[in-house]
């Protein structure tokens, strides 16, 4: 399934599957907006599945935001479809504990 990214008031909703291929698209899309804004909310609650390479990409994005004094809030802790990849790669710490 192709990746769909929609933005409403600074919240980016991601739909589809996150894989090595589609995560590159998400990475470049979010990086472009991180340069323009100081805060971005990335909502992964509607991701259908995710592999390890996508989890590592999200971690790199999170660390990039921290190094550049930007706020990247990643929502998706309630999505059971992404948690296995996040736990396997030990990247679940980047998921926000709060829901927006």
C-alpha atoms as a PDB file:
ATOM      1  CA  UNK A   1       0.000   0.000   0.000  1.00  0.00           C
ATOM      2  CA  UNK A   2       1.274   3.438  -0.898  1.00  0.00           C
ATOM      3  CA  UNK A   3       2.060   5.884   1.865  1.00  0.00           C
ATOM      4  CA  UNK A   4      -0.304   8.806   2.350  1.00  0.00           C
ATOM      5  CA  UNK A   5       0.717  11.851   4.396  1.00  0.00           C
ATOM      6  CA  UNK A   6      -1.812  14.543   5.260  1.00  0.00           C
ATOM      7  CA  UNK A   7      -1.178  17.683   7.288  1.00  0.00           C
ATOM      8  CA  UNK A   8      -3.643  19.641   9.387  1.00  0.00           C
ATOM      9  CA  UNK A   9      -2.471  22.462  11.673  1.00  0.00           C
ATOM     10  CA  UNK A  10       0.995  21.022  12.172  1.00  0.00           C
ATOM     11  CA  UNK A  11      -0.112  17.410  12.681  1.00  0.00           C
ATOM     12  CA  UNK A  12       1.012  14.964  10.018  1.00  0.00           C
ATOM     13  CA  UNK A  13      -1.222  11.895   9.741  1.00  0.00           C
ATOM     14  CA  UNK A  14       0.490   8.927   8.072  1.00  0.00           C
ATOM     15  CA  UNK A  15      -1.572   6.154   6.478  1.00  0.00           C
ATOM     16  CA  UNK A  16      -0.363   2.954   4.841  1.00  0.00           C
ATOM     17  CA  UNK A  17       2.661   0.744   5.414  1.00  0.00           C
ATOM     18  CA  UNK A  18       6.043   1.984   6.567  1.00  0.00           C
ATOM     19  CA  UNK A  19       8.871   0.015   4.996  1.00  0.00           C
ATOM     20  CA  UNK A  20      12.429   0.765   3.912  1.00  0.00           C
ATOM     21  CA  UNK A  21      11.103   2.162   0.646  1.00  0.00           C
ATOM     22  CA  UNK A  22       8.218   4.274   1.956  1.00  0.00           C
ATOM     23  CA  UNK A  23      10.093   5.514   5.018  1.00  0.00           C
ATOM     24  CA  UNK A  24      12.475   7.467   2.773  1.00  0.00           C
ATOM     25  CA  UNK A  25       9.527   9.450   1.484  1.00  0.00           C
ATOM     26  CA  UNK A  26       8.312  10.181   5.014  1.00  0.00           C
ATOM     27  CA  UNK A  27      11.822  11.093   6.155  1.00  0.00           C
ATOM     28  CA  UNK A  28      12.384  13.687   3.429  1.00  0.00           C
ATOM     29  CA  UNK A  29       8.859  15.069   3.819  1.00  0.00           C
ATOM     30  CA  UNK A  30       9.174  15.592   7.587  1.00  0.00           C
ATOM     31  CA  UNK A  31      12.729  16.963   7.314  1.00  0.00           C
ATOM     32  CA  UNK A  32      11.515  19.644   4.947  1.00  0.00           C
ATOM     33  CA  UNK A  33       8.921  20.787   7.471  1.00  0.00           C
ATOM     34  CA  UNK A  34      11.268  20.548  10.458  1.00  0.00           C
ATOM     35  CA  UNK A  35      13.416  23.212   8.831  1.00  0.00           C
ATOM     36  CA  UNK A  36      10.391  25.518   8.570  1.00  0.00           C
ATOM     37  CA  UNK A  37       8.748  24.879  11.958  1.00  0.00           C
ATOM     38  CA  UNK A  38       9.969  24.311  15.476  1.00  0.00           C
ATOM     39  CA  UNK A  39       7.309  21.701  16.339  1.00  0.00           C
ATOM     40  CA  UNK A  40       5.758  18.846  14.383  1.00  0.00           C
ATOM     41  CA  UNK A  41       3.342  16.149  15.481  1.00  0.00           C
ATOM     42  CA  UNK A  42       3.657  12.890  13.576  1.00  0.00           C
ATOM     43  CA  UNK A  43       0.626  10.635  14.002  1.00  0.00           C
ATOM     44  CA  UNK A  44       1.273   6.940  13.279  1.00  0.00           C
ATOM     45  CA  UNK A  45      -2.001   5.609  14.667  1.00  0.00           C
ATOM     46  CA  UNK A  46      -3.243   4.578  11.215  1.00  0.00           C
ATOM     47  CA  UNK A  47      -0.101   2.807   9.995  1.00  0.00           C
ATOM     48  CA  UNK A  48      -1.029  -0.704   8.837  1.00  0.00           C
ATOM     49  CA  UNK A  49       2.425  -2.250   9.388  1.00  0.00           C
ATOM     50  CA  UNK A  50       6.027  -1.238   9.869  1.00  0.00           C
ATOM     51  CA  UNK A  51       9.385  -2.929   9.474  1.00  0.00           C
ATOM     52  CA  UNK A  52      12.625  -2.458  11.411  1.00  0.00           C
ATOM     53  CA  UNK A  53      14.182  -0.087   8.873  1.00  0.00           C
ATOM     54  CA  UNK A  54      11.231   2.285   9.275  1.00  0.00           C
ATOM     55  CA  UNK A  55      11.592   2.189  13.064  1.00  0.00           C
ATOM     56  CA  UNK A  56      15.272   3.108  12.770  1.00  0.00           C
ATOM     57  CA  UNK A  57      14.398   5.922  10.336  1.00  0.00           C
ATOM     58  CA  UNK A  58      11.943   7.362  12.879  1.00  0.00           C
ATOM     59  CA  UNK A  59      14.658   7.203  15.515  1.00  0.00           C
ATOM     60  CA  UNK A  60      17.067   9.101  13.232  1.00  0.00           C
ATOM     61  CA  UNK A  61      14.400  11.735  12.604  1.00  0.00           C
ATOM     62  CA  UNK A  62      13.752  12.047  16.340  1.00  0.00           C
ATOM     63  CA  UNK A  63      17.458  12.469  17.108  1.00  0.00           C
ATOM     64  CA  UNK A  64      17.843  14.995  14.288  1.00  0.00           C
ATOM     65  CA  UNK A  65      15.008  17.064  15.744  1.00  0.00           C
ATOM     66  CA  UNK A  66      16.598  16.968  19.196  1.00  0.00           C
ATOM     67  CA  UNK A  67      20.011  18.021  17.892  1.00  0.00           C
ATOM     68  CA  UNK A  68      18.449  20.953  16.055  1.00  0.00           C
ATOM     69  CA  UNK A  69      16.256  22.144  18.946  1.00  0.00           C
ATOM     70  CA  UNK A  70      13.030  21.130  17.236  1.00  0.00           C
ATOM     71  CA  UNK A  71      10.136  19.311  18.819  1.00  0.00           C
ATOM     72  CA  UNK A  72       9.015  16.119  17.105  1.00  0.00           C
ATOM     73  CA  UNK A  73       6.111  14.442  18.841  1.00  0.00           C
ATOM     74  CA  UNK A  74       5.454  10.939  17.515  1.00  0.00           C
ATOM     75  CA  UNK A  75       2.030   9.513  18.344  1.00  0.00           C
ATOM     76  CA  UNK A  76       1.350   5.828  17.875  1.00  0.00           C
ATOM     77  CA  UNK A  77       1.811   4.047  21.161  1.00  0.00           C
ATOM     78  CA  UNK A  78      -1.741   2.696  20.900  1.00  0.00           C
ATOM     79  CA  UNK A  79      -1.150   1.197  17.430  1.00  0.00           C
ATOM     80  CA  UNK A  80      -0.567  -2.527  17.943  1.00  0.00           C
ATOM     81  CA  UNK A  81       0.607  -2.888  14.340  1.00  0.00           C
ATOM     82  CA  UNK A  82       3.778  -0.845  14.824  1.00  0.00           C
ATOM     83  CA  UNK A  83       4.727  -1.859  18.354  1.00  0.00           C
ATOM     84  CA  UNK A  84       6.439  -5.171  17.426  1.00  0.00           C
ATOM     85  CA  UNK A  85       8.928  -3.377  15.148  1.00  0.00           C
ATOM     86  CA  UNK A  86       9.449  -0.593  17.687  1.00  0.00           C
ATOM     87  CA  UNK A  87      10.111  -3.048  20.525  1.00  0.00           C
ATOM     88  CA  UNK A  88      12.336  -5.298  18.406  1.00  0.00           C
ATOM     89  CA  UNK A  89      14.533  -2.340  17.457  1.00  0.00           C
ATOM     90  CA  UNK A  90      14.333  -0.776  20.925  1.00  0.00           C
ATOM     91  CA  UNK A  91      13.027   2.473  19.465  1.00  0.00           C
ATOM     92  CA  UNK A  92       9.668   2.623  21.249  1.00  0.00           C
ATOM     93  CA  UNK A  93      11.054   5.309  23.596  1.00  0.00           C
ATOM     94  CA  UNK A  94      10.497   7.882  20.816  1.00  0.00           C
ATOM     95  CA  UNK A  95       6.722   7.390  20.962  1.00  0.00           C
ATOM     96  CA  UNK A  96       4.933  10.036  22.969  1.00  0.00           C
ATOM     97  CA  UNK A  97       3.118   8.876  26.074  1.00  0.00           C
ATOM     98  CA  UNK A  98       0.547  11.626  25.687  1.00  0.00           C
ATOM     99  CA  UNK A  99      -2.177  11.756  23.124  1.00  0.00           C
ATOM    100  CA  UNK A 100      -2.884  15.058  21.427  1.00  0.00           C
END
